Protein backbone atom coordinates (compact mmCIF):
# COMPACT_ATOMS: atom_id res chain seq x y z
CA MET A 1 11.81 44.26 -38.70
CA GLY A 2 10.42 43.36 -35.26
CA LYS A 3 10.28 39.76 -34.10
CA MET A 4 6.78 38.12 -33.82
CA GLU A 5 6.29 35.71 -31.13
CA LEU A 6 3.81 32.89 -31.81
CA LEU A 7 4.38 31.29 -28.53
CA PRO A 8 5.27 32.78 -25.06
CA LYS A 9 8.90 32.49 -24.05
CA GLU A 10 7.91 30.23 -21.08
CA TYR A 11 6.78 27.71 -23.60
CA GLY A 12 10.28 26.48 -23.44
CA TYR A 13 9.44 24.79 -20.16
CA VAL A 14 6.77 22.84 -22.00
CA ILE A 15 9.27 21.63 -24.48
CA LEU A 16 11.63 20.65 -21.76
CA VAL A 17 8.99 18.61 -19.98
CA VAL A 18 8.05 16.84 -23.19
CA VAL A 19 11.76 15.86 -23.61
CA ALA A 20 11.93 14.69 -19.97
CA TYR A 21 8.98 12.44 -20.54
CA CYS A 22 10.70 11.01 -23.58
CA PHE A 23 13.74 10.26 -21.45
CA LEU A 24 11.54 8.65 -18.84
CA ASN A 25 10.01 6.43 -21.59
CA VAL A 26 13.55 5.39 -22.84
CA TRP A 27 14.53 4.40 -19.32
CA MET A 28 11.33 2.38 -18.88
CA THR A 29 12.02 0.69 -22.25
CA ILE A 30 15.51 -0.26 -20.94
CA GLN A 31 13.94 -1.61 -17.77
CA VAL A 32 11.70 -3.85 -19.74
CA GLY A 33 14.61 -5.07 -21.80
CA LYS A 34 16.46 -5.97 -18.58
CA ALA A 35 13.34 -7.82 -17.25
CA ARG A 36 13.15 -9.66 -20.53
CA LYS A 37 16.56 -11.07 -19.97
CA LYS A 38 16.16 -11.69 -16.21
CA TYR A 39 12.88 -13.48 -16.38
CA LYS A 40 13.60 -15.10 -19.81
CA VAL A 41 10.68 -13.51 -21.81
CA PHE A 42 11.96 -13.23 -25.33
CA TYR A 43 10.57 -11.34 -28.25
CA PRO A 44 8.04 -11.18 -29.70
CA THR A 45 6.22 -12.41 -26.56
CA MET A 46 4.43 -9.37 -25.03
CA TYR A 47 3.37 -10.96 -21.65
CA ALA A 48 4.73 -14.00 -20.02
CA ILE A 49 2.30 -16.94 -19.40
CA GLU A 50 2.24 -18.20 -15.73
CA SER A 51 1.97 -21.86 -16.76
CA GLU A 52 5.21 -21.53 -18.77
CA ASN A 53 7.27 -19.16 -16.57
CA LYS A 54 7.44 -18.99 -12.91
CA ASP A 55 8.35 -15.38 -12.90
CA ALA A 56 5.49 -14.38 -15.32
CA LYS A 57 3.80 -12.02 -12.89
CA LEU A 58 7.08 -10.11 -12.12
CA PHE A 59 7.81 -9.57 -15.71
CA ASN A 60 4.26 -8.77 -16.54
CA CYS A 61 4.26 -6.07 -13.89
CA VAL A 62 7.36 -4.36 -15.32
CA GLN A 63 5.91 -4.77 -18.92
CA ARG A 64 2.39 -3.46 -17.81
CA GLY A 65 3.92 -0.46 -16.00
CA HIS A 66 5.52 0.53 -19.33
CA GLN A 67 2.57 -0.42 -21.52
CA ASN A 68 0.19 1.76 -19.37
CA SER A 69 2.58 4.72 -19.75
CA LEU A 70 2.66 4.23 -23.47
CA GLU A 71 -1.14 4.04 -23.52
CA LEU A 72 -1.46 7.32 -21.83
CA MET A 73 1.46 9.12 -23.39
CA PRO A 74 -0.25 10.54 -26.59
CA MET A 75 -3.09 12.04 -24.57
CA VAL A 76 -0.86 13.55 -21.90
CA LEU A 77 1.53 14.91 -24.33
CA ILE A 78 -1.17 16.56 -26.61
CA LEU A 79 -2.87 18.04 -23.44
CA LEU A 80 0.55 19.40 -22.36
CA ILE A 81 1.29 20.90 -25.65
CA LEU A 82 -2.11 22.44 -26.12
CA GLY A 83 -2.50 23.74 -22.56
CA GLY A 84 1.09 25.08 -22.64
CA ILE A 85 -0.04 27.47 -25.43
CA ARG A 86 -2.05 29.62 -23.01
CA HIS A 87 -0.72 28.51 -19.75
CA PRO A 88 2.97 27.40 -20.26
CA VAL A 89 4.21 27.65 -16.67
CA ILE A 90 1.20 25.92 -15.18
CA ALA A 91 1.09 23.26 -17.93
CA ALA A 92 4.83 22.55 -17.69
CA SER A 93 4.53 22.17 -13.90
CA LEU A 94 1.72 19.66 -14.22
CA GLY A 95 3.55 17.81 -16.97
CA ALA A 96 6.65 17.68 -14.72
CA ALA A 97 4.52 16.34 -11.85
CA TYR A 98 2.97 13.80 -14.12
CA THR A 99 6.42 12.76 -15.30
CA VAL A 100 7.66 12.28 -11.75
CA THR A 101 4.55 10.45 -10.64
CA ARG A 102 4.70 8.16 -13.76
CA CYS A 103 8.24 7.22 -12.60
CA PHE A 104 6.83 6.17 -9.24
CA TYR A 105 3.96 4.39 -10.89
CA PHE A 106 6.35 2.38 -13.01
CA THR A 107 8.78 1.61 -10.25
CA GLY A 108 5.96 0.61 -7.92
CA TYR A 109 4.40 -1.63 -10.48
CA SER A 110 7.67 -3.22 -11.22
CA THR A 111 7.87 -4.66 -7.67
CA GLY A 112 5.48 -7.46 -8.65
CA HIS A 113 2.93 -6.04 -6.45
CA PRO A 114 0.56 -3.91 -8.71
CA LYS A 115 -0.97 -1.88 -5.85
CA ASN A 116 2.41 -0.30 -5.29
CA ARG A 117 1.91 1.66 -8.48
CA LEU A 118 -0.68 3.83 -6.75
CA LYS A 119 1.18 5.07 -3.71
CA ILE A 120 2.47 8.12 -5.39
CA GLY A 121 1.79 7.13 -9.02
CA ASN A 122 -1.91 7.87 -8.48
CA TYR A 123 -1.34 11.56 -8.24
CA GLY A 124 -0.42 11.79 -11.90
CA PHE A 125 -4.12 11.49 -12.62
CA VAL A 126 -4.49 14.77 -10.72
CA ALA A 127 -1.79 16.31 -12.83
CA MET A 128 -3.63 14.94 -15.93
CA ALA A 129 -6.97 16.49 -14.88
CA GLY A 130 -5.12 19.89 -14.59
CA LEU A 131 -3.76 19.43 -18.07
CA ILE A 132 -7.17 18.91 -19.31
CA VAL A 133 -8.39 22.13 -17.70
CA CYS A 134 -5.40 24.08 -19.26
CA ALA A 135 -6.20 22.61 -22.75
CA ILE A 136 -9.98 23.45 -22.28
CA SER A 137 -9.04 27.05 -21.29
CA CYS A 138 -6.80 27.43 -24.27
CA GLY A 139 -9.53 26.16 -26.70
CA VAL A 140 -12.14 28.44 -25.18
CA HIS A 141 -9.83 31.51 -25.12
CA MET A 142 -9.05 30.98 -28.79
CA LEU A 143 -12.81 30.79 -29.57
CA ILE A 144 -13.76 33.95 -27.70
CA ALA A 145 -10.73 36.14 -28.39
């Protein structure tokens, strides 16, 4: 009996990028944990208050860099997964670019100077726009095929 492929072989790249982003998220989580210890911001406090902690801004920048990544993660991953069905290499490339820029976004934000997140991190939004195009293309192709 012949093998039926539901997804192109290259879809493996999409899967690897999803896993890479998960590793990035774990790394950011660890960085927030280290910042909690360093700046003495204990659970369940989400953000430090400047009147109570002289290092509040520094901690909050680390926390915010991770939080923003968490906020965008569901949308980016679903666009990557859907767009990769029809355009696996392009979607995986865009997803990899997004992952790299997200690392720069986080490390830039973590400096305590929020504008630093945009030096390279801003290009992640270009990658996200490309993923939107890939997902739209997949949806349209399914409707007309």
